[in-house]
N, C-alpha and C. Protein backbone atom coordinates (compact mmCIF):
# COMPACT_ATOMS: atom_id res chain seq x y z
N UNK A 1 -19.70 10.44 3.41
CA UNK A 1 -18.61 9.85 4.17
C UNK A 1 -17.63 10.92 4.59
N UNK A 2 -17.53 11.19 5.84
CA UNK A 2 -16.62 12.21 6.33
C UNK A 2 -15.28 11.58 6.70
N UNK A 3 -14.23 12.36 6.62
CA UNK A 3 -12.91 11.88 7.02
C UNK A 3 -12.25 11.03 5.95
N UNK A 4 -11.04 10.63 6.26
CA UNK A 4 -10.26 9.82 5.33
C UNK A 4 -10.49 8.34 5.56
N UNK A 5 -10.47 7.61 4.48
CA UNK A 5 -10.59 6.15 4.53
C UNK A 5 -9.21 5.56 4.25
N UNK A 6 -8.96 4.39 4.79
CA UNK A 6 -7.75 3.70 4.42
C UNK A 6 -7.97 3.11 3.04
N UNK A 7 -7.08 3.39 2.12
CA UNK A 7 -7.25 2.92 0.75
C UNK A 7 -6.98 1.43 0.63
N UNK A 8 -5.96 0.94 1.32
CA UNK A 8 -5.50 -0.43 1.11
C UNK A 8 -5.70 -1.40 2.26
N UNK A 9 -5.69 -0.95 3.50
CA UNK A 9 -5.61 -1.87 4.63
C UNK A 9 -6.93 -2.03 5.38
N UNK A 10 -7.27 -3.27 5.63
CA UNK A 10 -8.42 -3.59 6.46
C UNK A 10 -9.70 -3.85 5.68
N UNK A 11 -10.63 -4.56 6.30
CA UNK A 11 -11.89 -4.91 5.64
C UNK A 11 -12.79 -3.70 5.38
N UNK A 12 -12.51 -2.55 5.96
CA UNK A 12 -13.27 -1.34 5.70
C UNK A 12 -12.59 -0.42 4.69
N UNK A 13 -11.47 -0.85 4.14
CA UNK A 13 -10.70 -0.01 3.21
C UNK A 13 -11.42 0.12 1.86
N UNK A 14 -10.96 1.08 1.09
CA UNK A 14 -11.54 1.28 -0.24
C UNK A 14 -11.37 0.03 -1.10
N UNK A 15 -10.19 -0.60 -1.05
CA UNK A 15 -9.97 -1.82 -1.83
C UNK A 15 -10.93 -2.92 -1.41
N UNK A 16 -11.10 -3.10 -0.11
CA UNK A 16 -12.00 -4.17 0.37
C UNK A 16 -13.43 -3.92 -0.08
N UNK A 17 -13.88 -2.68 0.03
CA UNK A 17 -15.25 -2.36 -0.33
C UNK A 17 -15.50 -2.46 -1.83
N UNK A 18 -14.50 -2.12 -2.63
CA UNK A 18 -14.68 -2.11 -4.08
C UNK A 18 -14.27 -3.40 -4.77
N UNK A 19 -13.25 -4.07 -4.21
CA UNK A 19 -12.69 -5.23 -4.91
C UNK A 19 -12.64 -6.50 -4.09
N UNK A 20 -12.96 -6.43 -2.81
CA UNK A 20 -12.96 -7.62 -1.99
C UNK A 20 -11.57 -8.10 -1.59
N UNK A 21 -10.56 -7.26 -1.74
CA UNK A 21 -9.19 -7.61 -1.35
C UNK A 21 -8.63 -6.47 -0.52
N UNK A 22 -7.79 -6.80 0.48
CA UNK A 22 -7.20 -5.75 1.30
C UNK A 22 -5.92 -6.27 1.94
N UNK A 23 -5.14 -5.35 2.48
CA UNK A 23 -3.94 -5.69 3.23
C UNK A 23 -4.37 -5.99 4.66
N UNK A 24 -3.99 -7.16 5.18
CA UNK A 24 -4.37 -7.52 6.55
C UNK A 24 -3.52 -6.78 7.58
N UNK A 25 -3.91 -6.88 8.83
CA UNK A 25 -3.11 -6.34 9.92
C UNK A 25 -3.32 -4.86 10.15
N UNK A 26 -2.39 -4.28 10.94
CA UNK A 26 -2.45 -2.85 11.25
C UNK A 26 -1.08 -2.24 10.97
N UNK A 27 -1.07 -1.20 10.21
CA UNK A 27 0.15 -0.45 9.99
C UNK A 27 1.05 -1.02 8.90
N UNK A 28 2.06 -0.23 8.57
CA UNK A 28 3.06 -0.65 7.59
C UNK A 28 4.19 -1.31 8.36
N UNK A 29 4.32 -2.61 8.19
CA UNK A 29 5.33 -3.41 8.88
C UNK A 29 6.05 -4.26 7.83
N UNK A 30 7.16 -4.88 8.19
CA UNK A 30 7.81 -5.78 7.22
C UNK A 30 6.87 -6.87 6.71
N UNK A 31 5.91 -7.29 7.54
CA UNK A 31 4.97 -8.34 7.12
C UNK A 31 3.92 -7.81 6.13
N UNK A 32 3.48 -6.58 6.30
CA UNK A 32 2.43 -6.04 5.44
C UNK A 32 2.97 -5.28 4.22
N UNK A 33 4.23 -4.91 4.26
CA UNK A 33 4.81 -4.11 3.18
C UNK A 33 4.64 -4.71 1.79
N UNK A 34 4.91 -6.02 1.59
CA UNK A 34 4.74 -6.57 0.23
C UNK A 34 3.33 -6.39 -0.31
N UNK A 35 2.33 -6.49 0.56
CA UNK A 35 0.95 -6.33 0.11
C UNK A 35 0.66 -4.89 -0.30
N UNK A 36 1.15 -3.93 0.50
CA UNK A 36 0.96 -2.53 0.11
C UNK A 36 1.60 -2.26 -1.24
N UNK A 37 2.83 -2.72 -1.41
CA UNK A 37 3.54 -2.49 -2.67
C UNK A 37 2.80 -3.15 -3.82
N UNK A 38 2.33 -4.37 -3.63
CA UNK A 38 1.62 -5.08 -4.70
C UNK A 38 0.38 -4.32 -5.16
N UNK A 39 -0.38 -3.78 -4.21
CA UNK A 39 -1.60 -3.05 -4.59
C UNK A 39 -1.27 -1.70 -5.24
N UNK A 40 -0.23 -1.01 -4.76
CA UNK A 40 0.13 0.26 -5.37
C UNK A 40 0.68 0.04 -6.78
N UNK A 41 1.48 -1.00 -6.96
CA UNK A 41 1.98 -1.32 -8.31
C UNK A 41 0.80 -1.70 -9.21
N UNK A 42 -0.17 -2.41 -8.68
CA UNK A 42 -1.38 -2.74 -9.46
C UNK A 42 -2.08 -1.46 -9.91
N UNK A 43 -2.17 -0.50 -9.00
CA UNK A 43 -2.77 0.80 -9.36
C UNK A 43 -1.98 1.47 -10.50
N UNK A 44 -0.65 1.34 -10.45
CA UNK A 44 0.18 1.93 -11.51
C UNK A 44 -0.14 1.32 -12.86
N UNK A 45 -0.26 0.01 -12.90
CA UNK A 45 -0.54 -0.67 -14.16
C UNK A 45 -1.86 -0.23 -14.77
N UNK A 46 -2.85 -0.03 -13.93
CA UNK A 46 -4.15 0.32 -14.49
C UNK A 46 -4.41 1.83 -14.52
N UNK A 47 -3.50 2.62 -13.90
CA UNK A 47 -3.65 4.08 -13.94
C UNK A 47 -4.84 4.57 -13.13
N UNK A 48 -5.19 3.82 -12.12
CA UNK A 48 -6.38 4.10 -11.33
C UNK A 48 -6.11 3.77 -9.88
N UNK A 49 -6.63 4.58 -8.98
CA UNK A 49 -6.57 4.27 -7.55
C UNK A 49 -7.88 4.74 -6.93
N UNK A 50 -7.94 4.77 -5.62
CA UNK A 50 -9.14 5.21 -4.92
C UNK A 50 -8.85 6.49 -4.16
N UNK A 51 -9.78 7.42 -4.19
CA UNK A 51 -9.68 8.67 -3.46
C UNK A 51 -9.90 8.35 -1.98
N UNK A 52 -9.09 8.92 -1.10
CA UNK A 52 -9.11 8.50 0.29
C UNK A 52 -10.23 9.11 1.14
N UNK A 53 -11.06 9.94 0.59
CA UNK A 53 -12.20 10.48 1.36
C UNK A 53 -13.51 9.82 0.97
N UNK A 54 -13.64 9.50 -0.31
CA UNK A 54 -14.92 8.96 -0.79
C UNK A 54 -14.81 7.52 -1.29
N UNK A 55 -13.59 7.04 -1.47
CA UNK A 55 -13.33 5.72 -2.05
C UNK A 55 -13.75 5.63 -3.52
N UNK A 56 -13.98 6.78 -4.15
CA UNK A 56 -14.30 6.75 -5.58
C UNK A 56 -13.05 6.45 -6.38
N UNK A 57 -13.18 5.68 -7.47
CA UNK A 57 -12.02 5.45 -8.34
C UNK A 57 -11.61 6.77 -9.01
N UNK A 58 -10.32 7.03 -9.04
CA UNK A 58 -9.78 8.23 -9.67
C UNK A 58 -8.55 7.86 -10.50
N UNK A 59 -8.32 8.60 -11.58
CA UNK A 59 -7.12 8.38 -12.36
C UNK A 59 -5.91 8.77 -11.53
N UNK A 60 -4.83 8.02 -11.69
CA UNK A 60 -3.60 8.30 -10.94
C UNK A 60 -2.41 8.12 -11.87
N UNK A 61 -1.57 9.14 -11.91
CA UNK A 61 -0.37 9.02 -12.73
C UNK A 61 0.75 8.39 -11.89
N UNK A 62 1.77 7.85 -12.57
CA UNK A 62 2.84 7.17 -11.84
C UNK A 62 3.53 8.03 -10.79
N UNK A 63 3.69 9.34 -11.04
CA UNK A 63 4.37 10.17 -10.05
C UNK A 63 3.59 10.24 -8.73
N UNK A 64 2.27 10.29 -8.80
CA UNK A 64 1.46 10.29 -7.59
C UNK A 64 1.63 8.96 -6.84
N UNK A 65 1.63 7.86 -7.57
CA UNK A 65 1.74 6.54 -6.92
C UNK A 65 3.15 6.30 -6.39
N UNK A 66 4.16 6.87 -7.01
CA UNK A 66 5.51 6.76 -6.46
C UNK A 66 5.59 7.53 -5.15
N UNK A 67 4.92 8.69 -5.08
CA UNK A 67 4.85 9.42 -3.80
C UNK A 67 4.15 8.58 -2.74
N UNK A 68 3.13 7.87 -3.15
CA UNK A 68 2.40 7.01 -2.22
C UNK A 68 3.32 5.88 -1.74
N UNK A 69 4.11 5.30 -2.65
CA UNK A 69 5.09 4.28 -2.23
C UNK A 69 6.09 4.86 -1.25
N UNK A 70 6.63 6.04 -1.55
CA UNK A 70 7.63 6.65 -0.69
C UNK A 70 7.06 7.02 0.67
N UNK A 71 5.77 7.33 0.74
CA UNK A 71 5.13 7.65 2.01
C UNK A 71 5.09 6.43 2.94
N UNK A 72 5.20 5.23 2.38
CA UNK A 72 5.25 4.03 3.20
C UNK A 72 6.43 4.06 4.16
N UNK A 73 7.53 4.75 3.79
CA UNK A 73 8.70 4.85 4.67
C UNK A 73 8.31 5.59 5.96
N UNK A 74 7.64 6.73 5.81
CA UNK A 74 7.22 7.49 6.99
C UNK A 74 6.22 6.70 7.84
N UNK A 75 5.30 6.03 7.18
CA UNK A 75 4.32 5.22 7.92
C UNK A 75 4.99 4.06 8.64
N UNK A 76 5.98 3.44 8.00
CA UNK A 76 6.69 2.33 8.63
C UNK A 76 7.39 2.80 9.90
N UNK A 77 8.02 3.97 9.84
CA UNK A 77 8.68 4.50 11.04
C UNK A 77 7.66 4.76 12.14
N UNK A 78 6.53 5.34 11.77
CA UNK A 78 5.48 5.63 12.75
C UNK A 78 4.93 4.35 13.39
N UNK A 79 4.75 3.31 12.58
CA UNK A 79 4.13 2.07 13.07
C UNK A 79 5.11 1.09 13.67
N UNK A 80 6.38 1.13 13.22
CA UNK A 80 7.32 0.10 13.68
C UNK A 80 8.69 0.58 14.09
N UNK A 81 8.90 1.88 14.10
CA UNK A 81 10.19 2.41 14.55
C UNK A 81 11.24 2.44 13.45
N UNK A 82 12.44 2.70 13.88
CA UNK A 82 13.57 2.91 12.97
C UNK A 82 13.88 1.66 12.15
N UNK A 83 13.80 0.48 12.76
CA UNK A 83 14.10 -0.76 12.02
C UNK A 83 13.11 -0.97 10.88
N UNK A 84 11.83 -0.72 11.12
CA UNK A 84 10.82 -0.87 10.07
C UNK A 84 11.03 0.17 8.97
N UNK A 85 11.43 1.38 9.36
CA UNK A 85 11.72 2.43 8.38
C UNK A 85 12.86 1.99 7.47
N UNK A 86 13.95 1.49 8.07
CA UNK A 86 15.11 1.04 7.30
C UNK A 86 14.73 -0.10 6.36
N UNK A 87 13.98 -1.08 6.86
CA UNK A 87 13.55 -2.20 6.03
C UNK A 87 12.74 -1.71 4.84
N UNK A 88 11.81 -0.79 5.09
CA UNK A 88 10.94 -0.27 4.03
C UNK A 88 11.73 0.51 3.00
N UNK A 89 12.62 1.34 3.47
CA UNK A 89 13.45 2.14 2.56
C UNK A 89 14.30 1.24 1.66
N UNK A 90 14.92 0.22 2.24
CA UNK A 90 15.73 -0.71 1.46
C UNK A 90 14.87 -1.51 0.49
N UNK A 91 13.69 -1.92 0.91
CA UNK A 91 12.79 -2.67 0.03
C UNK A 91 12.36 -1.83 -1.17
N UNK A 92 12.06 -0.56 -0.93
CA UNK A 92 11.66 0.31 -2.04
C UNK A 92 12.83 0.60 -2.97
N UNK A 93 14.02 0.77 -2.42
CA UNK A 93 15.20 0.96 -3.26
C UNK A 93 15.42 -0.27 -4.15
N UNK A 94 15.25 -1.46 -3.57
CA UNK A 94 15.39 -2.70 -4.34
C UNK A 94 14.31 -2.78 -5.41
N UNK A 95 13.09 -2.39 -5.07
CA UNK A 95 12.00 -2.41 -6.04
C UNK A 95 12.33 -1.49 -7.21
N UNK A 96 12.79 -0.27 -6.92
CA UNK A 96 13.11 0.67 -7.99
C UNK A 96 14.30 0.20 -8.83
N UNK A 97 15.27 -0.44 -8.18
CA UNK A 97 16.49 -0.88 -8.86
C UNK A 97 16.27 -2.20 -9.63
N UNK A 98 15.59 -3.14 -8.99
CA UNK A 98 15.50 -4.50 -9.55
C UNK A 98 14.08 -4.93 -9.89
N UNK A 99 13.12 -4.12 -9.55
CA UNK A 99 11.71 -4.43 -9.75
C UNK A 99 11.35 -5.77 -9.11
N UNK A 100 11.70 -5.90 -7.81
CA UNK A 100 11.36 -7.09 -7.03
C UNK A 100 10.68 -6.68 -5.75
N UNK A 101 9.71 -7.46 -5.35
CA UNK A 101 9.05 -7.21 -4.08
C UNK A 101 9.96 -7.58 -2.93
N UNK A 102 9.75 -7.02 -1.73
CA UNK A 102 10.56 -7.39 -0.58
C UNK A 102 10.33 -8.85 -0.21
N UNK A 103 11.28 -9.43 0.55
CA UNK A 103 11.11 -10.83 0.94
C UNK A 103 9.84 -11.04 1.75
N UNK A 104 9.30 -12.21 1.66
CA UNK A 104 8.06 -12.51 2.39
C UNK A 104 6.90 -12.50 1.40
N UNK A 105 6.00 -13.42 1.57
CA UNK A 105 4.87 -13.52 0.66
C UNK A 105 3.91 -12.36 0.83
N UNK A 106 3.22 -12.07 -0.21
CA UNK A 106 2.17 -11.05 -0.17
C UNK A 106 0.99 -11.61 0.60
N UNK A 107 0.42 -10.79 1.48
CA UNK A 107 -0.69 -11.26 2.33
C UNK A 107 -1.94 -10.45 2.04
N UNK A 108 -2.43 -10.55 0.85
CA UNK A 108 -3.65 -9.85 0.50
C UNK A 108 -4.81 -10.82 0.75
N UNK A 109 -5.76 -10.42 1.58
CA UNK A 109 -6.89 -11.29 1.88
C UNK A 109 -8.06 -10.99 0.96
N UNK A 110 -8.76 -12.01 0.61
CA UNK A 110 -10.00 -11.88 -0.16
C UNK A 110 -11.15 -11.98 0.80
N UNK A 111 -12.14 -11.15 0.60
CA UNK A 111 -13.33 -11.22 1.45
C UNK A 111 -14.15 -12.45 1.05
N UNK A 112 -14.89 -12.97 2.04
CA UNK A 112 -15.81 -14.05 1.74
C UNK A 112 -15.24 -15.40 1.77
């Protein structure tokens, strides 16, 4: 498998291929953000994530996954502009401060 795979989003993502669940839609948006956070927090609990080139399970420490959470801010700006960046940044600050997901239900789809 050449190139990078999306770890969390879409039916071709590492999560979809390995676990039958994925983040729907395209990009990091206010609608998809809760699902990204939920899956990254899940990875934190189990200390495992997927490598983005091969989709192999790999051990992941919390500092790596916090970097992955913080990278959502840059992706949100790229996919949705300044408003999406601000929403994502505030949601992550709330998560770190209060351990609460952003408003809106999680939209993780199950295959099949």
